[in-house]
Amino acid sequence: MRPEDAIAFVERHGVVLQAARGPVPSLAEAIAGGPIRGSWWGHSKGKEIFHATEAVGESPDVLVCKLIDGKITYVHRRLWPALVKLAGRFRKEQLAKVWDEHTASGAHRARRTPFPAWVPAEVMKQAAALSVAEAESILSPWPALSERSARGGGRSTAGGRTSRR
């Protein structure tokens, strides 16, 4: 998968996990062609997965956050207004923009921009123009973003099945 294909994958699916298993597609598993045992770093397509995640993380059209189950989640820009409108249903840390910064010593430092500091002004305007019902309708294809599961209520539904958290 080329980096631009990875961004298109996020655009097509709207909400994607970087590598974790969950109620939405996993970019790493899509690249690998199926489930990955252990860390994707050790997978034969690990370098390809790395380059794809770097490209997605650098895209101005993708929010990298920990929206679903505290795992790295990619959210395409077309969903941002609805997410902003319904932000009160999520914990602020779920909506923070996150990334790793490489220090001069070679270490990685987790960085974050809190919500709503990362939200562009035009997205705020679009969110203000949405009704709650419209925002709910936009996010309805992702049951993992329902009010109950967004708050971390212990159990969430995804794809018609109930899963324990």
N, C-alpha and C. Protein backbone atom coordinates (compact mmCIF):
# COMPACT_ATOMS: atom_id res chain seq x y z
N MET A 1 0.85 -1.18 0.00
CA MET A 1 0.00 0.00 0.00
C MET A 1 0.90 1.24 0.00
N ARG A 2 0.68 2.09 -0.96
CA ARG A 2 1.42 3.34 -1.04
C ARG A 2 0.87 4.31 0.01
N PRO A 3 1.68 5.28 0.46
CA PRO A 3 1.20 6.23 1.47
C PRO A 3 -0.11 6.92 1.07
N GLU A 4 -0.25 7.27 -0.19
CA GLU A 4 -1.50 7.93 -0.62
C GLU A 4 -2.69 6.98 -0.56
N ASP A 5 -2.42 5.68 -0.74
CA ASP A 5 -3.48 4.68 -0.60
C ASP A 5 -3.92 4.55 0.85
N ALA A 6 -2.98 4.71 1.77
CA ALA A 6 -3.30 4.64 3.20
C ALA A 6 -4.22 5.80 3.58
N ILE A 7 -3.93 6.99 3.07
CA ILE A 7 -4.78 8.16 3.34
C ILE A 7 -6.16 7.94 2.73
N ALA A 8 -6.20 7.39 1.53
CA ALA A 8 -7.48 7.09 0.87
C ALA A 8 -8.26 6.04 1.66
N PHE A 9 -7.58 5.09 2.26
CA PHE A 9 -8.22 4.07 3.09
C PHE A 9 -8.93 4.73 4.28
N VAL A 10 -8.25 5.68 4.93
CA VAL A 10 -8.86 6.41 6.05
C VAL A 10 -10.03 7.24 5.54
N GLU A 11 -9.87 7.90 4.41
CA GLU A 11 -10.97 8.70 3.86
C GLU A 11 -12.19 7.82 3.57
N ARG A 12 -11.96 6.68 2.97
CA ARG A 12 -13.05 5.77 2.60
C ARG A 12 -13.78 5.24 3.84
N HIS A 13 -13.04 4.87 4.87
CA HIS A 13 -13.64 4.27 6.06
C HIS A 13 -14.06 5.29 7.11
N GLY A 14 -13.49 6.48 7.08
CA GLY A 14 -13.87 7.55 8.01
C GLY A 14 -13.19 7.46 9.35
N VAL A 15 -13.28 6.31 10.01
CA VAL A 15 -12.64 6.07 11.31
C VAL A 15 -11.90 4.75 11.21
N VAL A 16 -10.60 4.78 11.53
CA VAL A 16 -9.73 3.62 11.36
C VAL A 16 -8.78 3.54 12.56
N LEU A 17 -8.56 2.36 13.05
CA LEU A 17 -7.53 2.15 14.07
C LEU A 17 -6.19 1.99 13.38
N GLN A 18 -5.13 2.46 14.01
CA GLN A 18 -3.81 2.31 13.42
C GLN A 18 -3.44 0.84 13.30
N ALA A 19 -3.52 0.11 14.42
CA ALA A 19 -3.10 -1.28 14.39
C ALA A 19 -3.93 -2.18 15.29
N ALA A 20 -4.64 -1.62 16.23
CA ALA A 20 -5.40 -2.42 17.19
C ALA A 20 -6.59 -3.10 16.52
N ARG A 21 -7.06 -4.15 17.16
CA ARG A 21 -8.31 -4.78 16.72
C ARG A 21 -9.44 -4.06 17.43
N GLY A 22 -10.52 -3.87 16.72
CA GLY A 22 -11.64 -3.18 17.33
C GLY A 22 -12.84 -3.13 16.40
N PRO A 23 -13.73 -2.18 16.70
CA PRO A 23 -14.99 -2.10 15.96
C PRO A 23 -14.89 -1.38 14.61
N VAL A 24 -13.70 -0.94 14.24
CA VAL A 24 -13.48 -0.28 12.95
C VAL A 24 -12.27 -0.93 12.29
N PRO A 25 -12.06 -0.71 11.00
CA PRO A 25 -10.92 -1.33 10.32
C PRO A 25 -9.58 -0.90 10.92
N SER A 26 -8.59 -1.76 10.76
CA SER A 26 -7.22 -1.50 11.19
C SER A 26 -6.36 -1.28 9.95
N LEU A 27 -5.65 -0.17 9.91
CA LEU A 27 -4.78 0.11 8.77
C LEU A 27 -3.68 -0.94 8.67
N ALA A 28 -3.07 -1.29 9.78
CA ALA A 28 -1.98 -2.28 9.75
C ALA A 28 -2.47 -3.62 9.22
N GLU A 29 -3.65 -4.06 9.66
CA GLU A 29 -4.18 -5.33 9.18
C GLU A 29 -4.57 -5.27 7.71
N ALA A 30 -5.03 -4.10 7.26
CA ALA A 30 -5.36 -3.95 5.84
C ALA A 30 -4.10 -4.10 5.00
N ILE A 31 -3.01 -3.52 5.46
CA ILE A 31 -1.75 -3.61 4.72
C ILE A 31 -1.20 -5.03 4.78
N ALA A 32 -1.29 -5.65 5.94
CA ALA A 32 -0.77 -7.01 6.12
C ALA A 32 -1.61 -8.06 5.40
N GLY A 33 -2.86 -7.70 5.13
CA GLY A 33 -3.75 -8.65 4.45
C GLY A 33 -4.48 -9.57 5.41
N GLY A 34 -4.45 -9.24 6.70
CA GLY A 34 -5.15 -10.04 7.70
C GLY A 34 -4.62 -9.74 9.08
N PRO A 35 -5.11 -10.48 10.07
CA PRO A 35 -4.68 -10.24 11.46
C PRO A 35 -3.17 -10.38 11.62
N ILE A 36 -2.63 -9.58 12.54
CA ILE A 36 -1.20 -9.60 12.83
C ILE A 36 -1.03 -10.18 14.23
N ARG A 37 -0.15 -11.15 14.35
CA ARG A 37 0.17 -11.70 15.67
C ARG A 37 1.34 -10.92 16.23
N GLY A 38 1.18 -10.43 17.45
CA GLY A 38 2.25 -9.65 18.06
C GLY A 38 2.28 -8.24 17.48
N SER A 39 3.42 -7.62 17.56
CA SER A 39 3.59 -6.24 17.09
C SER A 39 3.73 -6.19 15.57
N TRP A 40 3.15 -5.17 14.97
CA TRP A 40 3.29 -5.03 13.53
C TRP A 40 4.71 -4.67 13.14
N TRP A 41 5.49 -4.19 14.09
CA TRP A 41 6.89 -3.84 13.79
C TRP A 41 7.66 -5.06 13.31
N GLY A 42 7.32 -6.24 13.83
CA GLY A 42 8.02 -7.46 13.44
C GLY A 42 7.42 -8.16 12.24
N HIS A 43 6.33 -7.63 11.72
CA HIS A 43 5.67 -8.25 10.56
C HIS A 43 6.51 -8.02 9.31
N SER A 44 6.39 -8.93 8.35
CA SER A 44 7.15 -8.81 7.10
C SER A 44 6.82 -7.51 6.35
N LYS A 45 5.63 -6.96 6.60
CA LYS A 45 5.26 -5.69 5.97
C LYS A 45 5.37 -4.52 6.94
N GLY A 46 6.17 -4.70 7.99
CA GLY A 46 6.34 -3.67 9.01
C GLY A 46 6.81 -2.32 8.47
N LYS A 47 7.76 -2.33 7.54
CA LYS A 47 8.25 -1.06 6.97
C LYS A 47 7.15 -0.37 6.16
N GLU A 48 6.38 -1.16 5.43
CA GLU A 48 5.27 -0.61 4.65
C GLU A 48 4.21 -0.01 5.58
N ILE A 49 3.94 -0.72 6.66
CA ILE A 49 2.98 -0.21 7.65
C ILE A 49 3.50 1.08 8.26
N PHE A 50 4.78 1.12 8.61
CA PHE A 50 5.38 2.33 9.18
C PHE A 50 5.24 3.51 8.23
N HIS A 51 5.59 3.33 6.97
CA HIS A 51 5.51 4.43 6.00
C HIS A 51 4.06 4.90 5.82
N ALA A 52 3.14 3.96 5.84
CA ALA A 52 1.72 4.33 5.72
C ALA A 52 1.26 5.12 6.93
N THR A 53 1.63 4.67 8.14
CA THR A 53 1.20 5.39 9.34
C THR A 53 1.83 6.77 9.41
N GLU A 54 3.05 6.90 8.95
CA GLU A 54 3.70 8.22 8.90
C GLU A 54 2.95 9.15 7.96
N ALA A 55 2.59 8.65 6.79
CA ALA A 55 1.86 9.47 5.81
C ALA A 55 0.50 9.89 6.35
N VAL A 56 -0.21 8.95 6.95
CA VAL A 56 -1.53 9.27 7.51
C VAL A 56 -1.38 10.31 8.62
N GLY A 57 -0.40 10.12 9.48
CA GLY A 57 -0.18 11.05 10.59
C GLY A 57 0.19 12.45 10.16
N GLU A 58 0.80 12.57 9.00
CA GLU A 58 1.20 13.88 8.49
C GLU A 58 0.12 14.54 7.64
N SER A 59 -0.94 13.82 7.32
CA SER A 59 -1.99 14.36 6.47
C SER A 59 -2.80 15.43 7.20
N PRO A 60 -3.01 16.57 6.58
CA PRO A 60 -3.85 17.60 7.21
C PRO A 60 -5.33 17.22 7.24
N ASP A 61 -5.68 16.13 6.56
CA ASP A 61 -7.07 15.68 6.49
C ASP A 61 -7.38 14.55 7.47
N VAL A 62 -6.43 14.22 8.33
CA VAL A 62 -6.63 13.12 9.27
C VAL A 62 -6.27 13.57 10.69
N LEU A 63 -7.19 13.37 11.61
CA LEU A 63 -6.92 13.58 13.03
C LEU A 63 -6.40 12.27 13.59
N VAL A 64 -5.26 12.33 14.27
CA VAL A 64 -4.72 11.18 14.97
C VAL A 64 -5.03 11.43 16.45
N CYS A 65 -5.81 10.53 17.03
CA CYS A 65 -6.24 10.70 18.42
C CYS A 65 -6.34 9.32 19.06
N LYS A 66 -6.88 9.27 20.25
CA LYS A 66 -7.09 7.98 20.94
C LYS A 66 -8.57 7.83 21.23
N LEU A 67 -9.37 8.00 20.21
CA LEU A 67 -10.82 8.03 20.32
C LEU A 67 -11.44 6.70 20.74
N ILE A 68 -10.97 5.61 20.16
CA ILE A 68 -11.58 4.31 20.42
C ILE A 68 -10.69 3.48 21.36
N ASP A 69 -11.23 3.21 22.52
CA ASP A 69 -10.56 2.35 23.51
C ASP A 69 -9.14 2.78 23.85
N GLY A 70 -8.84 4.07 23.75
CA GLY A 70 -7.50 4.56 24.08
C GLY A 70 -6.43 4.16 23.08
N LYS A 71 -6.84 3.64 21.93
CA LYS A 71 -5.91 3.20 20.88
C LYS A 71 -5.78 4.29 19.82
N ILE A 72 -4.63 4.30 19.13
CA ILE A 72 -4.42 5.29 18.07
C ILE A 72 -5.51 5.11 17.03
N THR A 73 -6.27 6.19 16.82
CA THR A 73 -7.42 6.20 15.92
C THR A 73 -7.25 7.31 14.91
N TYR A 74 -7.52 7.03 13.66
CA TYR A 74 -7.50 8.03 12.60
C TYR A 74 -8.94 8.42 12.27
N VAL A 75 -9.20 9.72 12.23
CA VAL A 75 -10.53 10.21 11.89
C VAL A 75 -10.39 11.17 10.71
N HIS A 76 -11.09 10.87 9.62
CA HIS A 76 -11.01 11.72 8.44
C HIS A 76 -11.71 13.05 8.67
N ARG A 77 -11.21 14.08 8.06
CA ARG A 77 -11.68 15.45 8.21
C ARG A 77 -13.18 15.62 7.95
N ARG A 78 -13.74 14.81 7.07
CA ARG A 78 -15.17 14.96 6.77
C ARG A 78 -16.04 14.69 7.98
N LEU A 79 -15.50 14.00 8.99
CA LEU A 79 -16.25 13.69 10.20
C LEU A 79 -16.00 14.68 11.34
N TRP A 80 -15.01 15.54 11.18
CA TRP A 80 -14.65 16.46 12.27
C TRP A 80 -15.80 17.35 12.74
N PRO A 81 -16.59 17.95 11.83
CA PRO A 81 -17.67 18.80 12.33
C PRO A 81 -18.65 18.04 13.24
N ALA A 82 -19.00 16.83 12.87
CA ALA A 82 -19.92 16.04 13.70
C ALA A 82 -19.26 15.67 15.02
N LEU A 83 -17.99 15.34 14.98
CA LEU A 83 -17.26 15.01 16.19
C LEU A 83 -17.20 16.20 17.13
N VAL A 84 -16.95 17.39 16.58
CA VAL A 84 -16.91 18.61 17.38
C VAL A 84 -18.28 18.91 17.97
N LYS A 85 -19.32 18.75 17.16
CA LYS A 85 -20.68 19.01 17.63
C LYS A 85 -21.03 18.12 18.82
N LEU A 86 -20.58 16.88 18.78
CA LEU A 86 -20.92 15.92 19.83
C LEU A 86 -19.77 15.73 20.83
N ALA A 87 -18.85 16.67 20.88
CA ALA A 87 -17.66 16.55 21.72
C ALA A 87 -17.98 16.31 23.19
N GLY A 88 -19.10 16.83 23.67
CA GLY A 88 -19.48 16.63 25.06
C GLY A 88 -19.74 15.18 25.42
N ARG A 89 -19.86 14.32 24.43
CA ARG A 89 -20.09 12.89 24.66
C ARG A 89 -18.78 12.11 24.85
N PHE A 90 -17.68 12.79 24.66
CA PHE A 90 -16.37 12.16 24.76
C PHE A 90 -15.55 12.82 25.87
N ARG A 91 -14.58 12.07 26.37
CA ARG A 91 -13.63 12.67 27.29
C ARG A 91 -12.66 13.51 26.47
N LYS A 92 -12.22 14.63 27.02
CA LYS A 92 -11.33 15.52 26.26
C LYS A 92 -10.08 14.81 25.77
N GLU A 93 -9.55 13.88 26.57
CA GLU A 93 -8.33 13.19 26.14
C GLU A 93 -8.57 12.30 24.92
N GLN A 94 -9.81 11.85 24.71
CA GLN A 94 -10.11 11.06 23.52
C GLN A 94 -10.00 11.91 22.25
N LEU A 95 -10.27 13.20 22.38
CA LEU A 95 -10.30 14.09 21.22
C LEU A 95 -9.02 14.90 21.05
N ALA A 96 -8.03 14.67 21.90
CA ALA A 96 -6.76 15.38 21.76
C ALA A 96 -6.01 14.84 20.53
N LYS A 97 -5.38 15.73 19.81
CA LYS A 97 -4.52 15.32 18.68
C LYS A 97 -3.22 14.80 19.28
N VAL A 98 -2.80 13.60 18.86
CA VAL A 98 -1.58 13.00 19.42
C VAL A 98 -0.58 12.67 18.32
N TRP A 99 0.68 12.66 18.71
CA TRP A 99 1.76 12.25 17.81
C TRP A 99 3.00 11.97 18.63
N ASP A 100 3.93 11.25 18.02
CA ASP A 100 5.23 11.00 18.64
C ASP A 100 6.24 11.94 18.04
N GLU A 101 7.06 12.49 18.91
CA GLU A 101 8.13 13.38 18.47
C GLU A 101 9.45 12.65 18.69
N HIS A 102 10.32 12.69 17.73
CA HIS A 102 11.63 12.06 17.85
C HIS A 102 12.60 13.09 18.40
N THR A 103 13.20 12.78 19.54
CA THR A 103 14.13 13.71 20.17
C THR A 103 15.53 13.53 19.59
N ALA A 104 16.42 14.45 19.89
CA ALA A 104 17.79 14.39 19.38
C ALA A 104 18.50 13.13 19.87
N SER A 105 18.12 12.63 21.04
CA SER A 105 18.75 11.42 21.58
C SER A 105 18.23 10.15 20.92
N GLY A 106 17.21 10.28 20.07
CA GLY A 106 16.64 9.12 19.40
C GLY A 106 15.42 8.56 20.10
N ALA A 107 15.12 9.12 21.26
CA ALA A 107 13.93 8.66 22.00
C ALA A 107 12.67 9.22 21.37
N HIS A 108 11.54 8.61 21.69
CA HIS A 108 10.24 9.10 21.24
C HIS A 108 9.55 9.75 22.42
N ARG A 109 8.94 10.89 22.17
CA ARG A 109 8.18 11.57 23.20
C ARG A 109 6.76 11.74 22.70
N ALA A 110 5.80 11.28 23.51
CA ALA A 110 4.39 11.42 23.15
C ALA A 110 4.00 12.89 23.32
N ARG A 111 3.39 13.43 22.30
CA ARG A 111 2.96 14.84 22.30
C ARG A 111 1.46 14.89 22.06
N ARG A 112 0.84 16.00 22.45
CA ARG A 112 -0.60 16.14 22.25
C ARG A 112 -0.97 17.61 22.18
N THR A 113 -1.99 17.87 21.37
CA THR A 113 -2.64 19.18 21.34
C THR A 113 -4.04 18.93 21.85
N PRO A 114 -4.41 19.59 22.97
CA PRO A 114 -5.72 19.31 23.55
C PRO A 114 -6.86 19.75 22.64
N PHE A 115 -8.00 19.10 22.82
CA PHE A 115 -9.22 19.53 22.14
C PHE A 115 -9.74 20.74 22.89
N PRO A 116 -10.18 21.78 22.23
CA PRO A 116 -10.38 21.98 20.80
C PRO A 116 -9.29 22.79 20.11
N ALA A 117 -8.11 22.91 20.74
CA ALA A 117 -7.05 23.77 20.19
C ALA A 117 -6.64 23.38 18.77
N TRP A 118 -6.76 22.10 18.41
CA TRP A 118 -6.35 21.65 17.08
C TRP A 118 -7.42 21.89 16.01
N VAL A 119 -8.65 22.21 16.41
CA VAL A 119 -9.77 22.28 15.47
C VAL A 119 -9.69 23.57 14.64
N PRO A 120 -9.64 23.45 13.31
CA PRO A 120 -9.61 24.63 12.45
C PRO A 120 -10.91 25.45 12.58
N ALA A 121 -10.78 26.75 12.38
CA ALA A 121 -11.94 27.66 12.51
C ALA A 121 -13.09 27.25 11.59
N GLU A 122 -12.79 26.83 10.37
CA GLU A 122 -13.88 26.46 9.45
C GLU A 122 -14.63 25.22 9.93
N VAL A 123 -13.93 24.31 10.59
CA VAL A 123 -14.59 23.12 11.14
C VAL A 123 -15.49 23.52 12.31
N MET A 124 -15.04 24.46 13.12
CA MET A 124 -15.88 24.97 14.22
C MET A 124 -17.17 25.59 13.66
N LYS A 125 -17.05 26.34 12.57
CA LYS A 125 -18.23 26.94 11.95
C LYS A 125 -19.17 25.86 11.40
N GLN A 126 -18.59 24.85 10.76
CA GLN A 126 -19.41 23.76 10.23
C GLN A 126 -20.12 23.02 11.37
N ALA A 127 -19.42 22.81 12.47
CA ALA A 127 -20.00 22.14 13.63
C ALA A 127 -21.15 22.95 14.21
N ALA A 128 -20.97 24.25 14.29
CA ALA A 128 -22.01 25.12 14.83
C ALA A 128 -23.27 25.09 13.96
N ALA A 129 -23.08 24.89 12.67
CA ALA A 129 -24.22 24.87 11.74
C ALA A 129 -24.98 23.54 11.77
N LEU A 130 -24.37 22.50 12.33
CA LEU A 130 -25.03 21.19 12.40
C LEU A 130 -25.97 21.11 13.59
N SER A 131 -27.08 20.42 13.41
CA SER A 131 -27.92 20.10 14.56
C SER A 131 -27.32 18.85 15.21
N VAL A 132 -27.70 18.59 16.45
CA VAL A 132 -27.26 17.37 17.12
C VAL A 132 -27.72 16.15 16.33
N ALA A 133 -28.95 16.17 15.85
CA ALA A 133 -29.48 15.04 15.07
C ALA A 133 -28.66 14.82 13.80
N GLU A 134 -28.26 15.90 13.12
CA GLU A 134 -27.44 15.76 11.91
C GLU A 134 -26.08 15.16 12.26
N ALA A 135 -25.48 15.63 13.33
CA ALA A 135 -24.17 15.11 13.75
C ALA A 135 -24.28 13.63 14.12
N GLU A 136 -25.34 13.27 14.83
CA GLU A 136 -25.56 11.86 15.18
C GLU A 136 -25.74 11.02 13.93
N SER A 137 -26.44 11.55 12.95
CA SER A 137 -26.66 10.83 11.70
C SER A 137 -25.34 10.62 10.96
N ILE A 138 -24.49 11.63 10.95
CA ILE A 138 -23.19 11.53 10.28
C ILE A 138 -22.34 10.45 10.92
N LEU A 139 -22.36 10.37 12.25
CA LEU A 139 -21.53 9.40 12.96
C LEU A 139 -22.21 8.05 13.16
N SER A 140 -23.46 7.92 12.74
CA SER A 140 -24.21 6.68 12.99
C SER A 140 -23.59 5.42 12.38
N PRO A 141 -22.83 5.50 11.27
CA PRO A 141 -22.22 4.26 10.76
C PRO A 141 -21.16 3.66 11.69
N TRP A 142 -20.76 4.41 12.73
CA TRP A 142 -19.72 3.96 13.65
C TRP A 142 -20.32 3.79 15.04
N PRO A 143 -20.92 2.63 15.32
CA PRO A 143 -21.54 2.41 16.63
C PRO A 143 -20.56 2.63 17.78
N ALA A 144 -19.27 2.45 17.53
CA ALA A 144 -18.27 2.67 18.57
C ALA A 144 -18.24 4.12 19.02
N LEU A 145 -18.84 5.01 18.24
CA LEU A 145 -18.88 6.43 18.61
C LEU A 145 -20.20 6.82 19.23
N SER A 146 -21.01 5.82 19.59
CA SER A 146 -22.29 6.11 20.23
C SER A 146 -22.04 6.74 21.59
N GLU A 147 -23.04 7.42 22.12
CA GLU A 147 -22.88 8.11 23.40
C GLU A 147 -22.43 7.16 24.50
N ARG A 148 -23.05 5.99 24.59
CA ARG A 148 -22.73 5.06 25.67
C ARG A 148 -21.28 4.60 25.61
N SER A 149 -20.81 4.19 24.42
CA SER A 149 -19.45 3.69 24.35
C SER A 149 -18.43 4.81 24.36
N ALA A 150 -18.80 6.00 23.88
CA ALA A 150 -17.86 7.12 23.85
C ALA A 150 -17.43 7.51 25.26
N ARG A 151 -18.30 7.37 26.21
CA ARG A 151 -18.00 7.72 27.60
C ARG A 151 -17.21 6.64 28.31
N GLY A 152 -16.97 5.52 27.62
CA GLY A 152 -16.23 4.44 28.25
C GLY A 152 -17.08 3.68 29.25
N GLY A 153 -18.34 3.45 28.90
CA GLY A 153 -19.30 2.86 29.80
C GLY A 153 -19.15 1.39 30.07
N GLY A 154 -18.00 0.79 29.82
CA GLY A 154 -17.78 -0.60 30.18
C GLY A 154 -18.09 -1.58 29.08
N ARG A 155 -19.18 -1.42 28.39
CA ARG A 155 -19.54 -2.30 27.29
C ARG A 155 -19.87 -1.43 26.09
N SER A 156 -19.49 -1.90 24.95
CA SER A 156 -19.85 -1.16 23.73
C SER A 156 -20.36 -2.14 22.71
N THR A 157 -21.13 -1.64 21.78
CA THR A 157 -21.60 -2.49 20.70
C THR A 157 -20.92 -2.08 19.42
N ALA A 158 -20.61 -3.05 18.63
CA ALA A 158 -19.97 -2.80 17.35
C ALA A 158 -20.40 -3.90 16.40
N GLY A 159 -20.95 -3.51 15.29
CA GLY A 159 -21.33 -4.49 14.29
C GLY A 159 -22.39 -5.47 14.78
N GLY A 160 -23.24 -5.01 15.71
CA GLY A 160 -24.34 -5.84 16.17
C GLY A 160 -23.98 -6.80 17.28
N ARG A 161 -22.70 -6.79 17.72
CA ARG A 161 -22.34 -7.69 18.83
C ARG A 161 -21.90 -6.84 20.01
N THR A 162 -22.05 -7.37 21.17
CA THR A 162 -21.64 -6.67 22.38
C THR A 162 -20.25 -7.17 22.75
N SER A 163 -19.37 -6.26 23.07
CA SER A 163 -18.01 -6.65 23.45
C SER A 163 -17.67 -6.06 24.80
N ARG A 164 -16.91 -6.79 25.56
CA ARG A 164 -16.49 -6.32 26.88
C ARG A 164 -15.23 -5.50 26.73
N ARG A 165 -15.13 -4.43 27.48
CA ARG A 165 -13.95 -3.58 27.41
C ARG A 165 -12.97 -3.89 28.50
